[in-house]
Amino acid sequence: MTIQGDFARSVRQFGEKVHAVGDDQWSADTPCTAWDVRALVNHLVSEALWVKPLLDGRTIAEVGDRLDGDLLGDDPRAAFDRAAEEAVAAASEPDAGNRTVHISAGDTPARQYLAELFSDFVIHGWDLARGIGADDTIDPGYAAALYEQMKPMESEMRSWGVYGDAVEVAEDADTQTKLLALFGRVQ
């Protein structure tokens, strides 16, 4: 599978969890202590809405603040579906992975950008599942790939505030547990 395919699948899997959110669960807590379920979904809608303009070559300055604030409105599920459809379509264009995106860290290969978003959708999918009491199992292949990709960058990511505080786990812990501990999450 390509990063474009993995990204699309991770977005769809997150969407399944969005559609599982009960009407009374939007204010439920998540493992991301700063975000309840609604804020977490809003964050991922924002991430998805950035994909097309960035893959189209726009800069952050050109997009401006139009993707800030509440993007969910009165129908969070429909807002997610629209954003996901646009993101997956943009990322699925044949040459999308070969482009350069202009993000805050500087010009970045689109494949790397999509890999970072893939990570967000997978890890935040676990957060959302925990917040709504759904199955929080991460695809074992995704857990292994993400752990292998992210473990070497642990110190750097922690210094940027991307990871939470370190969580100690047993050496023989399963890959999902190690991955979640890397991101500062506890099962």
Foldseek 3Di string as FASTA:
>chain_A
DALLVLLLVLLVLLLVLVVVADPVQQQFAFLVRVHGNQRLLLVLLLLLQVQQCQLVPDACVVVDCPSDDRQCPPHNSVSSVVSSVNSSVRSPPPCSQQDWGQYPVGTDRSSVVSNVSSVSSQLSSLRSCVRRVHDNDGDLVVLVVCCVVCVVCLVVCVVVVQADDADDDDPPDRSNQVSCNSRVHHD
